[in-house]
Amino acid sequence: MKEGLVYEKTFEFALKIIELYKKLVNENEYIMSKQLLRSSTSIGANIKEALNSQSKKDFLSKMNIALKKSSETEYWLELLLATKYLDVENGENLLIKCKEINKLLSSIVKTTKKTIEKGVQNENTK
């Protein structure tokens, strides 16, 4: 199940971001690090909610939010790299993981949209 895989990946990703957050706070970088922490941990939280959703539309909504948060996280990582608060090796590794999560979430969102649309079409042909 792709959803379970993406949840596991986002949990591990969040743990790495939390480690980075602690390091950045020790270096007195508060604003971007806090934004990164919020957006990155929100990804997995929204996926967890989606896995317990009440309907396919609810699932899609939560996965869309997770995708948006993942894109936001990518932005904060890029900004931290550009401002040299984040070293290239660690930053590039985190960016790769974030982009991988983006791709998985994008795929889940597209597939879910198609499934919902097929369901609506089937309802209309009855």
PDB file of N, CA and C in Angstrom:
ATOM      1  N   MET A   1       0.846  -1.179   0.000  1.00  0.00           N
ATOM      2  CA  MET A   1       0.000   0.000   0.000  1.00  0.00           C
ATOM      3  C   MET A   1       0.892   1.244   0.000  1.00  0.00           C
ATOM      4  N   LYS A   2       0.712   2.075  -1.018  1.00  0.00           N
ATOM      5  CA  LYS A   2       1.532   3.265  -1.197  1.00  0.00           C
ATOM      6  C   LYS A   2       1.357   4.258  -0.050  1.00  0.00           C
ATOM      7  N   GLU A   3       0.134   4.347   0.495  1.00  0.00           N
ATOM      8  CA  GLU A   3      -0.140   5.295   1.573  1.00  0.00           C
ATOM      9  C   GLU A   3       0.666   4.949   2.832  1.00  0.00           C
ATOM     10  N   GLY A   4       0.757   3.665   3.156  1.00  0.00           N
ATOM     11  CA  GLY A   4       1.545   3.235   4.310  1.00  0.00           C
ATOM     12  C   GLY A   4       3.022   3.542   4.124  1.00  0.00           C
ATOM     13  N   LEU A   5       3.509   3.345   2.909  1.00  0.00           N
ATOM     14  CA  LEU A   5       4.904   3.626   2.583  1.00  0.00           C
ATOM     15  C   LEU A   5       5.205   5.119   2.744  1.00  0.00           C
ATOM     16  N   VAL A   6       4.332   5.950   2.214  1.00  0.00           N
ATOM     17  CA  VAL A   6       4.576   7.391   2.300  1.00  0.00           C
ATOM     18  C   VAL A   6       4.485   7.865   3.750  1.00  0.00           C
ATOM     19  N   TYR A   7       3.620   7.255   4.544  1.00  0.00           N
ATOM     20  CA  TYR A   7       3.547   7.613   5.965  1.00  0.00           C
ATOM     21  C   TYR A   7       4.868   7.279   6.657  1.00  0.00           C
ATOM     22  N   GLU A   8       5.396   6.080   6.406  1.00  0.00           N
ATOM     23  CA  GLU A   8       6.671   5.686   7.012  1.00  0.00           C
ATOM     24  C   GLU A   8       7.792   6.630   6.601  1.00  0.00           C
ATOM     25  N   LYS A   9       7.827   6.982   5.322  1.00  0.00           N
ATOM     26  CA  LYS A   9       8.866   7.884   4.827  1.00  0.00           C
ATOM     27  C   LYS A   9       8.751   9.267   5.461  1.00  0.00           C
ATOM     28  N   THR A  10       7.521   9.746   5.619  1.00  0.00           N
ATOM     29  CA  THR A  10       7.362  11.072   6.208  1.00  0.00           C
ATOM     30  C   THR A  10       7.688  11.076   7.697  1.00  0.00           C
ATOM     31  N   PHE A  11       7.437   9.981   8.363  1.00  0.00           N
ATOM     32  CA  PHE A  11       7.787   9.889   9.786  1.00  0.00           C
ATOM     33  C   PHE A  11       9.306   9.953   9.948  1.00  0.00           C
ATOM     34  N   GLU A  12      10.017   9.160   9.150  1.00  0.00           N
ATOM     35  CA  GLU A  12      11.490   9.166   9.198  1.00  0.00           C
ATOM     36  C   GLU A  12      12.040  10.531   8.794  1.00  0.00           C
ATOM     37  N   PHE A  13      11.428  11.137   7.794  1.00  0.00           N
ATOM     38  CA  PHE A  13      11.832  12.461   7.335  1.00  0.00           C
ATOM     39  C   PHE A  13      11.645  13.484   8.454  1.00  0.00           C
ATOM     40  N   ALA A  14      10.517  13.430   9.136  1.00  0.00           N
ATOM     41  CA  ALA A  14      10.243  14.354  10.246  1.00  0.00           C
ATOM     42  C   ALA A  14      11.285  14.206  11.354  1.00  0.00           C
ATOM     43  N   LEU A  15      11.688  12.978  11.639  1.00  0.00           N
ATOM     44  CA  LEU A  15      12.720  12.763  12.660  1.00  0.00           C
ATOM     45  C   LEU A  15      14.027  13.454  12.270  1.00  0.00           C
ATOM     46  N   LYS A  16      14.388  13.376  10.994  1.00  0.00           N
ATOM     47  CA  LYS A  16      15.612  14.037  10.525  1.00  0.00           C
ATOM     48  C   LYS A  16      15.483  15.561  10.606  1.00  0.00           C
ATOM     49  N   ILE A  17      14.292  16.058  10.290  1.00  0.00           N
ATOM     50  CA  ILE A  17      14.067  17.503  10.364  1.00  0.00           C
ATOM     51  C   ILE A  17      14.116  17.979  11.817  1.00  0.00           C
ATOM     52  N   ILE A  18      13.601  17.190  12.721  1.00  0.00           N
ATOM     53  CA  ILE A  18      13.651  17.559  14.137  1.00  0.00           C
ATOM     54  C   ILE A  18      15.104  17.663  14.604  1.00  0.00           C
ATOM     55  N   GLU A  19      15.946  16.733  14.162  1.00  0.00           N
ATOM     56  CA  GLU A  19      17.378  16.810  14.481  1.00  0.00           C
ATOM     57  C   GLU A  19      17.980  18.094  13.917  1.00  0.00           C
ATOM     58  N   LEU A  20      17.640  18.408  12.674  1.00  0.00           N
ATOM     59  CA  LEU A  20      18.135  19.630  12.040  1.00  0.00           C
ATOM     60  C   LEU A  20      17.629  20.866  12.784  1.00  0.00           C
ATOM     61  N   TYR A  21      16.381  20.844  13.162  1.00  0.00           N
ATOM     62  CA  TYR A  21      15.786  21.966  13.905  1.00  0.00           C
ATOM     63  C   TYR A  21      16.586  22.249  15.183  1.00  0.00           C
ATOM     64  N   LYS A  22      16.895  21.208  15.918  1.00  0.00           N
ATOM     65  CA  LYS A  22      17.665  21.376  17.155  1.00  0.00           C
ATOM     66  C   LYS A  22      19.021  22.031  16.870  1.00  0.00           C
ATOM     67  N   LYS A  23      19.648  21.594  15.792  1.00  0.00           N
ATOM     68  CA  LYS A  23      20.947  22.153  15.416  1.00  0.00           C
ATOM     69  C   LYS A  23      20.815  23.627  15.031  1.00  0.00           C
ATOM     70  N   LEU A  24      19.795  23.945  14.243  1.00  0.00           N
ATOM     71  CA  LEU A  24      19.597  25.321  13.799  1.00  0.00           C
ATOM     72  C   LEU A  24      19.277  26.253  14.967  1.00  0.00           C
ATOM     73  N   VAL A  25      18.489  25.775  15.910  1.00  0.00           N
ATOM     74  CA  VAL A  25      18.160  26.592  17.089  1.00  0.00           C
ATOM     75  C   VAL A  25      19.424  26.856  17.912  1.00  0.00           C
ATOM     76  N   ASN A  26      20.285  25.856  18.010  1.00  0.00           N
ATOM     77  CA  ASN A  26      21.558  26.049  18.720  1.00  0.00           C
ATOM     78  C   ASN A  26      22.435  27.084  18.033  1.00  0.00           C
ATOM     79  N   GLU A  27      22.225  27.258  16.716  1.00  0.00           N
ATOM     80  CA  GLU A  27      22.986  28.256  15.948  1.00  0.00           C
ATOM     81  C   GLU A  27      22.218  29.577  15.852  1.00  0.00           C
ATOM     82  N   ASN A  28      21.181  29.709  16.644  1.00  0.00           N
ATOM     83  CA  ASN A  28      20.362  30.926  16.714  1.00  0.00           C
ATOM     84  C   ASN A  28      19.589  31.232  15.433  1.00  0.00           C
ATOM     85  N   GLU A  29      19.208  30.226  14.683  1.00  0.00           N
ATOM     86  CA  GLU A  29      18.347  30.416  13.519  1.00  0.00           C
ATOM     87  C   GLU A  29      16.968  29.916  13.923  1.00  0.00           C
ATOM     88  N   TYR A  30      16.076  30.861  14.232  1.00  0.00           N
ATOM     89  CA  TYR A  30      14.779  30.491  14.793  1.00  0.00           C
ATOM     90  C   TYR A  30      13.633  30.507  13.775  1.00  0.00           C
ATOM     91  N   ILE A  31      13.570  31.516  12.951  1.00  0.00           N
ATOM     92  CA  ILE A  31      12.381  31.719  12.119  1.00  0.00           C
ATOM     93  C   ILE A  31      12.248  30.651  11.039  1.00  0.00           C
ATOM     94  N   MET A  32      13.266  30.503  10.204  1.00  0.00           N
ATOM     95  CA  MET A  32      13.166  29.505   9.131  1.00  0.00           C
ATOM     96  C   MET A  32      13.111  28.090   9.701  1.00  0.00           C
ATOM     97  N   SER A  33      13.854  27.857  10.768  1.00  0.00           N
ATOM     98  CA  SER A  33      13.858  26.511  11.350  1.00  0.00           C
ATOM     99  C   SER A  33      12.484  26.153  11.908  1.00  0.00           C
ATOM    100  N   LYS A  34      11.806  27.111  12.508  1.00  0.00           N
ATOM    101  CA  LYS A  34      10.465  26.861  13.053  1.00  0.00           C
ATOM    102  C   LYS A  34       9.475  26.590  11.916  1.00  0.00           C
ATOM    103  N   GLN A  35       9.568  27.344  10.838  1.00  0.00           N
ATOM    104  CA  GLN A  35       8.696  27.137   9.678  1.00  0.00           C
ATOM    105  C   GLN A  35       8.937  25.749   9.082  1.00  0.00           C
ATOM    106  N   LEU A  36      10.206  25.373   8.976  1.00  0.00           N
ATOM    107  CA  LEU A  36      10.561  24.057   8.451  1.00  0.00           C
ATOM    108  C   LEU A  36       9.999  22.957   9.345  1.00  0.00           C
ATOM    109  N   LEU A  37      10.156  23.114  10.641  1.00  0.00           N
ATOM    110  CA  LEU A  37       9.650  22.120  11.589  1.00  0.00           C
ATOM    111  C   LEU A  37       8.134  21.970  11.454  1.00  0.00           C
ATOM    112  N   ARG A  38       7.432  23.077  11.407  1.00  0.00           N
ATOM    113  CA  ARG A  38       5.970  23.035  11.305  1.00  0.00           C
ATOM    114  C   ARG A  38       5.498  22.365  10.014  1.00  0.00           C
ATOM    115  N   SER A  39       6.047  22.793   8.896  1.00  0.00           N
ATOM    116  CA  SER A  39       5.576  22.245   7.616  1.00  0.00           C
ATOM    117  C   SER A  39       5.943  20.767   7.469  1.00  0.00           C
ATOM    118  N   SER A  40       7.143  20.402   7.884  1.00  0.00           N
ATOM    119  CA  SER A  40       7.590  19.013   7.684  1.00  0.00           C
ATOM    120  C   SER A  40       6.844  18.023   8.575  1.00  0.00           C
ATOM    121  N   THR A  41       6.562  18.418   9.810  1.00  0.00           N
ATOM    122  CA  THR A  41       5.843  17.493  10.691  1.00  0.00           C
ATOM    123  C   THR A  41       4.353  17.436  10.338  1.00  0.00           C
ATOM    124  N   SER A  42       3.865  18.457   9.690  1.00  0.00           N
ATOM    125  CA  SER A  42       2.467  18.486   9.258  1.00  0.00           C
ATOM    126  C   SER A  42       2.202  17.482   8.130  1.00  0.00           C
ATOM    127  N   ILE A  43       3.219  17.162   7.345  1.00  0.00           N
ATOM    128  CA  ILE A  43       3.048  16.215   6.233  1.00  0.00           C
ATOM    129  C   ILE A  43       2.526  14.881   6.774  1.00  0.00           C
ATOM    130  N   GLY A  44       3.273  14.297   7.678  1.00  0.00           N
ATOM    131  CA  GLY A  44       2.901  13.001   8.232  1.00  0.00           C
ATOM    132  C   GLY A  44       1.610  13.045   9.029  1.00  0.00           C
ATOM    133  N   ALA A  45       1.380  14.158   9.740  1.00  0.00           N
ATOM    134  CA  ALA A  45       0.150  14.291  10.519  1.00  0.00           C
ATOM    135  C   ALA A  45      -1.068  14.253   9.604  1.00  0.00           C
ATOM    136  N   ASN A  46      -0.984  14.915   8.462  1.00  0.00           N
ATOM    137  CA  ASN A  46      -2.104  14.905   7.509  1.00  0.00           C
ATOM    138  C   ASN A  46      -2.277  13.549   6.839  1.00  0.00           C
ATOM    139  N   ILE A  47      -1.176  12.860   6.593  1.00  0.00           N
ATOM    140  CA  ILE A  47      -1.275  11.508   6.030  1.00  0.00           C
ATOM    141  C   ILE A  47      -1.933  10.579   7.036  1.00  0.00           C
ATOM    142  N   LYS A  48      -1.548  10.692   8.289  1.00  0.00           N
ATOM    143  CA  LYS A  48      -2.145   9.867   9.343  1.00  0.00           C
ATOM    144  C   LYS A  48      -3.658  10.114   9.407  1.00  0.00           C
ATOM    145  N   GLU A  49      -4.059  11.375   9.322  1.00  0.00           N
ATOM    146  CA  GLU A  49      -5.489  11.690   9.295  1.00  0.00           C
ATOM    147  C   GLU A  49      -6.156  11.079   8.063  1.00  0.00           C
ATOM    148  N   ALA A  50      -5.489  11.167   6.928  1.00  0.00           N
ATOM    149  CA  ALA A  50      -6.054  10.626   5.681  1.00  0.00           C
ATOM    150  C   ALA A  50      -6.272   9.121   5.786  1.00  0.00           C
ATOM    151  N   LEU A  51      -5.346   8.431   6.424  1.00  0.00           N
ATOM    152  CA  LEU A  51      -5.466   6.979   6.555  1.00  0.00           C
ATOM    153  C   LEU A  51      -6.678   6.586   7.402  1.00  0.00           C
ATOM    154  N   ASN A  52      -7.172   7.523   8.188  1.00  0.00           N
ATOM    155  CA  ASN A  52      -8.363   7.284   9.004  1.00  0.00           C
ATOM    156  C   ASN A  52      -9.536   8.144   8.532  1.00  0.00           C
ATOM    157  N   SER A  53      -9.542   8.482   7.260  1.00  0.00           N
ATOM    158  CA  SER A  53     -10.571   9.368   6.726  1.00  0.00           C
ATOM    159  C   SER A  53     -11.928   8.686   6.661  1.00  0.00           C
ATOM    160  N   GLN A  54     -12.957   9.516   6.551  1.00  0.00           N
ATOM    161  CA  GLN A  54     -14.330   9.028   6.533  1.00  0.00           C
ATOM    162  C   GLN A  54     -14.834   8.731   5.125  1.00  0.00           C
ATOM    163  N   SER A  55     -14.158   9.284   4.134  1.00  0.00           N
ATOM    164  CA  SER A  55     -14.586   9.081   2.750  1.00  0.00           C
ATOM    165  C   SER A  55     -13.395   9.295   1.823  1.00  0.00           C
ATOM    166  N   LYS A  56     -13.596   8.965   0.554  1.00  0.00           N
ATOM    167  CA  LYS A  56     -12.523   9.184  -0.422  1.00  0.00           C
ATOM    168  C   LYS A  56     -12.242  10.675  -0.599  1.00  0.00           C
ATOM    169  N   LYS A  57     -13.288  11.487  -0.529  1.00  0.00           N
ATOM    170  CA  LYS A  57     -13.095  12.934  -0.659  1.00  0.00           C
ATOM    171  C   LYS A  57     -12.326  13.490   0.543  1.00  0.00           C
ATOM    172  N   ASP A  58     -12.617  12.997   1.721  1.00  0.00           N
ATOM    173  CA  ASP A  58     -11.884  13.397   2.928  1.00  0.00           C
ATOM    174  C   ASP A  58     -10.421  12.968   2.809  1.00  0.00           C
ATOM    175  N   PHE A  59     -10.212  11.735   2.339  1.00  0.00           N
ATOM    176  CA  PHE A  59      -8.858  11.216   2.116  1.00  0.00           C
ATOM    177  C   PHE A  59      -8.102  12.127   1.151  1.00  0.00           C
ATOM    178  N   LEU A  60      -8.750  12.469   0.043  1.00  0.00           N
ATOM    179  CA  LEU A  60      -8.128  13.325  -0.967  1.00  0.00           C
ATOM    180  C   LEU A  60      -7.772  14.689  -0.391  1.00  0.00           C
ATOM    181  N   SER A  61      -8.671  15.253   0.383  1.00  0.00           N
ATOM    182  CA  SER A  61      -8.429  16.560   0.996  1.00  0.00           C
ATOM    183  C   SER A  61      -7.197  16.529   1.889  1.00  0.00           C
ATOM    184  N   LYS A  62      -7.097  15.526   2.736  1.00  0.00           N
ATOM    185  CA  LYS A  62      -5.951  15.423   3.656  1.00  0.00           C
ATOM    186  C   LYS A  62      -4.645  15.176   2.888  1.00  0.00           C
ATOM    187  N   MET A  63      -4.708  14.355   1.858  1.00  0.00           N
ATOM    188  CA  MET A  63      -3.505  14.088   1.055  1.00  0.00           C
ATOM    189  C   MET A  63      -3.079  15.335   0.285  1.00  0.00           C
ATOM    190  N   ASN A  64      -4.051  16.131  -0.152  1.00  0.00           N
ATOM    191  CA  ASN A  64      -3.724  17.403  -0.813  1.00  0.00           C
ATOM    192  C   ASN A  64      -3.024  18.346   0.153  1.00  0.00           C
ATOM    193  N   ILE A  65      -3.490  18.396   1.385  1.00  0.00           N
ATOM    194  CA  ILE A  65      -2.840  19.238   2.393  1.00  0.00           C
ATOM    195  C   ILE A  65      -1.420  18.741   2.646  1.00  0.00           C
ATOM    196  N   ALA A  66      -1.251  17.429   2.751  1.00  0.00           N
ATOM    197  CA  ALA A  66       0.088  16.856   2.952  1.00  0.00           C
ATOM    198  C   ALA A  66       1.006  17.230   1.790  1.00  0.00           C
ATOM    199  N   LEU A  67       0.480  17.181   0.563  1.00  0.00           N
ATOM    200  CA  LEU A  67       1.271  17.550  -0.616  1.00  0.00           C
ATOM    201  C   LEU A  67       1.679  19.025  -0.549  1.00  0.00           C
ATOM    202  N   LYS A  68       0.757  19.881  -0.164  1.00  0.00           N
ATOM    203  CA  LYS A  68       1.078  21.308  -0.034  1.00  0.00           C
ATOM    204  C   LYS A  68       2.150  21.527   1.026  1.00  0.00           C
ATOM    205  N   LYS A  69       2.035  20.844   2.152  1.00  0.00           N
ATOM    206  CA  LYS A  69       3.027  20.984   3.225  1.00  0.00           C
ATOM    207  C   LYS A  69       4.390  20.451   2.790  1.00  0.00           C
ATOM    208  N   SER A  70       4.372  19.404   1.998  1.00  0.00           N
ATOM    209  CA  SER A  70       5.623  18.855   1.485  1.00  0.00           C
ATOM    210  C   SER A  70       6.294  19.859   0.539  1.00  0.00           C
ATOM    211  N   SER A  71       5.496  20.506  -0.296  1.00  0.00           N
ATOM    212  CA  SER A  71       6.036  21.536  -1.191  1.00  0.00           C
ATOM    213  C   SER A  71       6.582  22.717  -0.394  1.00  0.00           C
ATOM    214  N   GLU A  72       5.869  23.098   0.663  1.00  0.00           N
ATOM    215  CA  GLU A  72       6.340  24.177   1.519  1.00  0.00           C
ATOM    216  C   GLU A  72       7.658  23.795   2.195  1.00  0.00           C
ATOM    217  N   THR A  73       7.759  22.558   2.644  1.00  0.00           N
ATOM    218  CA  THR A  73       8.985  22.070   3.279  1.00  0.00           C
ATOM    219  C   THR A  73      10.152  22.145   2.300  1.00  0.00           C
ATOM    220  N   GLU A  74       9.887  21.765   1.064  1.00  0.00           N
ATOM    221  CA  GLU A  74      10.922  21.850   0.024  1.00  0.00           C
ATOM    222  C   GLU A  74      11.421  23.294  -0.107  1.00  0.00           C
ATOM    223  N   TYR A  75      10.518  24.242  -0.083  1.00  0.00           N
ATOM    224  CA  TYR A  75      10.879  25.657  -0.161  1.00  0.00           C
ATOM    225  C   TYR A  75      11.805  26.057   0.995  1.00  0.00           C
ATOM    226  N   TRP A  76      11.431  25.689   2.229  1.00  0.00           N
ATOM    227  CA  TRP A  76      12.243  26.072   3.386  1.00  0.00           C
ATOM    228  C   TRP A  76      13.627  25.436   3.326  1.00  0.00           C
ATOM    229  N   LEU A  77      13.692  24.192   2.847  1.00  0.00           N
ATOM    230  CA  LEU A  77      15.010  23.547   2.697  1.00  0.00           C
ATOM    231  C   LEU A  77      15.853  24.290   1.662  1.00  0.00           C
ATOM    232  N   GLU A  78      15.244  24.663   0.556  1.00  0.00           N
ATOM    233  CA  GLU A  78      15.966  25.403  -0.484  1.00  0.00           C
ATOM    234  C   GLU A  78      16.468  26.743   0.056  1.00  0.00           C
ATOM    235  N   LEU A  79      15.620  27.403   0.839  1.00  0.00           N
ATOM    236  CA  LEU A  79      15.999  28.698   1.416  1.00  0.00           C
ATOM    237  C   LEU A  79      17.135  28.546   2.434  1.00  0.00           C
ATOM    238  N   LEU A  80      17.055  27.522   3.261  1.00  0.00           N
ATOM    239  CA  LEU A  80      18.129  27.275   4.232  1.00  0.00           C
ATOM    240  C   LEU A  80      19.443  26.940   3.532  1.00  0.00           C
ATOM    241  N   LEU A  81      19.365  26.234   2.422  1.00  0.00           N
ATOM    242  CA  LEU A  81      20.573  25.949   1.636  1.00  0.00           C
ATOM    243  C   LEU A  81      21.133  27.228   1.017  1.00  0.00           C
ATOM    244  N   ALA A  82      20.261  28.035   0.432  1.00  0.00           N
ATOM    245  CA  ALA A  82      20.701  29.258  -0.237  1.00  0.00           C
ATOM    246  C   ALA A  82      21.330  30.253   0.728  1.00  0.00           C
ATOM    247  N   THR A  83      20.862  30.258   1.970  1.00  0.00           N
ATOM    248  CA  THR A  83      21.398  31.183   2.969  1.00  0.00           C
ATOM    249  C   THR A  83      22.550  30.571   3.775  1.00  0.00           C
ATOM    250  N   LYS A  84      22.905  29.348   3.409  1.00  0.00           N
ATOM    251  CA  LYS A  84      24.027  28.625   4.018  1.00  0.00           C
ATOM    252  C   LYS A  84      23.822  28.298   5.502  1.00  0.00           C
ATOM    253  N   TYR A  85      22.574  28.284   5.949  1.00  0.00           N
ATOM    254  CA  TYR A  85      22.284  27.783   7.290  1.00  0.00           C
ATOM    255  C   TYR A  85      22.340  26.265   7.305  1.00  0.00           C
ATOM    256  N   LEU A  86      22.238  25.690   6.125  1.00  0.00           N
ATOM    257  CA  LEU A  86      22.237  24.239   5.964  1.00  0.00           C
ATOM    258  C   LEU A  86      23.377  23.866   5.032  1.00  0.00           C
ATOM    259  N   ASP A  87      24.218  22.925   5.468  1.00  0.00           N
ATOM    260  CA  ASP A  87      25.338  22.510   4.630  1.00  0.00           C
ATOM    261  C   ASP A  87      24.816  21.743   3.413  1.00  0.00           C
ATOM    262  N   VAL A  88      25.562  21.812   2.335  1.00  0.00           N
ATOM    263  CA  VAL A  88      25.124  21.256   1.053  1.00  0.00           C
ATOM    264  C   VAL A  88      24.848  19.761   1.146  1.00  0.00           C
ATOM    265  N   GLU A  89      25.734  19.004   1.745  1.00  0.00           N
ATOM    266  CA  GLU A  89      25.564  17.546   1.799  1.00  0.00           C
ATOM    267  C   GLU A  89      24.272  17.155   2.519  1.00  0.00           C
ATOM    268  N   ASN A  90      24.080  17.672   3.704  1.00  0.00           N
ATOM    269  CA  ASN A  90      22.884  17.360   4.478  1.00  0.00           C
ATOM    270  C   ASN A  90      21.634  17.924   3.801  1.00  0.00           C
ATOM    271  N   GLY A  91      21.741  19.149   3.318  1.00  0.00           N
ATOM    272  CA  GLY A  91      20.608  19.805   2.670  1.00  0.00           C
ATOM    273  C   GLY A  91      20.154  19.097   1.410  1.00  0.00           C
ATOM    274  N   GLU A  92      21.091  18.711   0.576  1.00  0.00           N
ATOM    275  CA  GLU A  92      20.744  18.009  -0.664  1.00  0.00           C
ATOM    276  C   GLU A  92      20.088  16.668  -0.364  1.00  0.00           C
ATOM    277  N   ASN A  93      20.590  15.978   0.637  1.00  0.00           N
ATOM    278  CA  ASN A  93      20.007  14.697   1.037  1.00  0.00           C
ATOM    279  C   ASN A  93      18.557  14.877   1.492  1.00  0.00           C
ATOM    280  N   LEU A  94      18.311  15.888   2.311  1.00  0.00           N
ATOM    281  CA  LEU A  94      16.950  16.161   2.769  1.00  0.00           C
ATOM    282  C   LEU A  94      16.046  16.595   1.613  1.00  0.00           C
ATOM    283  N   LEU A  95      16.598  17.382   0.695  1.00  0.00           N
ATOM    284  CA  LEU A  95      15.809  17.808  -0.468  1.00  0.00           C
ATOM    285  C   LEU A  95      15.405  16.619  -1.336  1.00  0.00           C
ATOM    286  N   ILE A  96      16.313  15.688  -1.524  1.00  0.00           N
ATOM    287  CA  ILE A  96      16.009  14.481  -2.304  1.00  0.00           C
ATOM    288  C   ILE A  96      14.877  13.712  -1.648  1.00  0.00           C
ATOM    289  N   LYS A  97      14.945  13.543  -0.335  1.00  0.00           N
ATOM    290  CA  LYS A  97      13.894  12.829   0.395  1.00  0.00           C
ATOM    291  C   LYS A  97      12.560  13.573   0.298  1.00  0.00           C
ATOM    292  N   CYS A  98      12.607  14.883   0.402  1.00  0.00           N
ATOM    293  CA  CYS A  98      11.396  15.688   0.319  1.00  0.00           C
ATOM    294  C   CYS A  98      10.771  15.582  -1.083  1.00  0.00           C
ATOM    295  N   LYS A  99      11.588  15.643  -2.109  1.00  0.00           N
ATOM    296  CA  LYS A  99      11.079  15.535  -3.486  1.00  0.00           C
ATOM    297  C   LYS A  99      10.486  14.150  -3.738  1.00  0.00           C
ATOM    298  N   GLU A 100      11.076  13.138  -3.140  1.00  0.00           N
ATOM    299  CA  GLU A 100      10.542  11.786  -3.254  1.00  0.00           C
ATOM    300  C   GLU A 100       9.147  11.707  -2.610  1.00  0.00           C
ATOM    301  N   ILE A 101       9.010  12.319  -1.456  1.00  0.00           N
ATOM    302  CA  ILE A 101       7.712  12.369  -0.779  1.00  0.00           C
ATOM    303  C   ILE A 101       6.711  13.136  -1.638  1.00  0.00           C
ATOM    304  N   ASN A 102       7.151  14.250  -2.218  1.00  0.00           N
ATOM    305  CA  ASN A 102       6.285  15.026  -3.124  1.00  0.00           C
ATOM    306  C   ASN A 102       5.759  14.164  -4.265  1.00  0.00           C
ATOM    307  N   LYS A 103       6.638  13.390  -4.870  1.00  0.00           N
ATOM    308  CA  LYS A 103       6.233  12.540  -5.996  1.00  0.00           C
ATOM    309  C   LYS A 103       5.227  11.482  -5.561  1.00  0.00           C
ATOM    310  N   LEU A 104       5.486  10.857  -4.423  1.00  0.00           N
ATOM    311  CA  LEU A 104       4.556   9.843  -3.917  1.00  0.00           C
ATOM    312  C   LEU A 104       3.184  10.455  -3.623  1.00  0.00           C
ATOM    313  N   LEU A 105       3.183  11.593  -2.954  1.00  0.00           N
ATOM    314  CA  LEU A 105       1.919  12.252  -2.626  1.00  0.00           C
ATOM    315  C   LEU A 105       1.182  12.711  -3.881  1.00  0.00           C
ATOM    316  N   SER A 106       1.928  13.235  -4.828  1.00  0.00           N
ATOM    317  CA  SER A 106       1.317  13.672  -6.090  1.00  0.00           C
ATOM    318  C   SER A 106       0.654  12.505  -6.801  1.00  0.00           C
ATOM    319  N   SER A 107       1.318  11.379  -6.802  1.00  0.00           N
ATOM    320  CA  SER A 107       0.771  10.172  -7.420  1.00  0.00           C
ATOM    321  C   SER A 107      -0.499   9.713  -6.698  1.00  0.00           C
ATOM    322  N   ILE A 108      -0.472   9.726  -5.382  1.00  0.00           N
ATOM    323  CA  ILE A 108      -1.643   9.326  -4.595  1.00  0.00           C
ATOM    324  C   ILE A 108      -2.812  10.264  -4.867  1.00  0.00           C
ATOM    325  N   VAL A 109      -2.539  11.562  -4.911  1.00  0.00           N
ATOM    326  CA  VAL A 109      -3.594  12.553  -5.160  1.00  0.00           C
ATOM    327  C   VAL A 109      -4.195  12.346  -6.553  1.00  0.00           C
ATOM    328  N   LYS A 110      -3.354  12.172  -7.563  1.00  0.00           N
ATOM    329  CA  LYS A 110      -3.856  11.972  -8.928  1.00  0.00           C
ATOM    330  C   LYS A 110      -4.697  10.706  -9.037  1.00  0.00           C
ATOM    331  N   THR A 111      -4.201   9.630  -8.465  1.00  0.00           N
ATOM    332  CA  THR A 111      -4.923   8.352  -8.516  1.00  0.00           C
ATOM    333  C   THR A 111      -6.260   8.457  -7.786  1.00  0.00           C
ATOM    334  N   THR A 112      -6.255   9.103  -6.635  1.00  0.00           N
ATOM    335  CA  THR A 112      -7.490   9.253  -5.854  1.00  0.00           C
ATOM    336  C   THR A 112      -8.501  10.111  -6.615  1.00  0.00           C
ATOM    337  N   LYS A 113      -8.041  11.182  -7.249  1.00  0.00           N
ATOM    338  CA  LYS A 113      -8.937  12.025  -8.047  1.00  0.00           C
ATOM    339  C   LYS A 113      -9.597  11.213  -9.156  1.00  0.00           C
ATOM    340  N   LYS A 114      -8.796  10.401  -9.843  1.00  0.00           N
ATOM    341  CA  LYS A 114      -9.334   9.569 -10.922  1.00  0.00           C
ATOM    342  C   LYS A 114     -10.364   8.575 -10.382  1.00  0.00           C
ATOM    343  N   THR A 115     -10.072   7.982  -9.240  1.00  0.00           N
ATOM    344  CA  THR A 115     -10.995   7.022  -8.620  1.00  0.00           C
ATOM    345  C   THR A 115     -12.315   7.701  -8.266  1.00  0.00           C
ATOM    346  N   ILE A 116     -12.232   8.884  -7.709  1.00  0.00           N
ATOM    347  CA  ILE A 116     -13.443   9.629  -7.339  1.00  0.00           C
ATOM    348  C   ILE A 116     -14.230   9.999  -8.594  1.00  0.00           C
ATOM    349  N   GLU A 117     -13.522  10.463  -9.632  1.00  0.00           N
ATOM    350  CA  GLU A 117     -14.196  10.832 -10.884  1.00  0.00           C
ATOM    351  C   GLU A 117     -14.884   9.633 -11.521  1.00  0.00           C
ATOM    352  N   LYS A 118     -14.230   8.469 -11.493  1.00  0.00           N
ATOM    353  CA  LYS A 118     -14.848   7.248 -12.037  1.00  0.00           C
ATOM    354  C   LYS A 118     -16.098   6.896 -11.254  1.00  0.00           C
ATOM    355  N   GLY A 119     -16.049   7.061  -9.944  1.00  0.00           N
ATOM    356  CA  GLY A 119     -17.207   6.781  -9.108  1.00  0.00           C
ATOM    357  C   GLY A 119     -18.369   7.690  -9.435  1.00  0.00           C
ATOM    358  N   VAL A 120     -18.081   8.960  -9.685  1.00  0.00           N
ATOM    359  CA  VAL A 120     -19.116   9.920 -10.037  1.00  0.00           C
ATOM    360  C   VAL A 120     -19.691   9.582 -11.403  1.00  0.00           C
ATOM    361  N   GLN A 121     -18.821   9.217 -12.360  1.00  0.00           N
ATOM    362  CA  GLN A 121     -19.294   8.837 -13.702  1.00  0.00           C
ATOM    363  C   GLN A 121     -20.178   7.597 -13.624  1.00  0.00           C
ATOM    364  N   ASN A 122     -19.778   6.621 -12.819  1.00  0.00           N
ATOM    365  CA  ASN A 122     -20.581   5.411 -12.664  1.00  0.00           C
ATOM    366  C   ASN A 122     -21.928   5.722 -12.037  1.00  0.00           C
ATOM    367  N   GLU A 123     -21.959   6.657 -11.111  1.00  0.00           N
ATOM    368  CA  GLU A 123     -23.213   7.074 -10.476  1.00  0.00           C
ATOM    369  C   GLU A 123     -24.140   7.727 -11.504  1.00  0.00           C
ATOM    370  N   ASN A 124     -23.546   8.500 -12.414  1.00  0.00           N
ATOM    371  CA  ASN A 124     -24.341   9.230 -13.413  1.00  0.00           C
ATOM    372  C   ASN A 124     -24.887   8.312 -14.497  1.00  0.00           C
ATOM    373  N   THR A 125     -24.259   7.156 -14.712  1.00  0.00           N
ATOM    374  CA  THR A 125     -24.718   6.246 -15.768  1.00  0.00           C
ATOM    375  C   THR A 125     -25.769   5.270 -15.267  1.00  0.00           C
ATOM    376  N   LYS A 126     -26.052   5.280 -13.982  1.00  0.00           N
ATOM    377  CA  LYS A 126     -27.047   4.357 -13.425  1.00  0.00           C
ATOM    378  C   LYS A 126     -28.461   4.822 -13.683  1.00  0.00           C
TER     379      LYS A 126
END
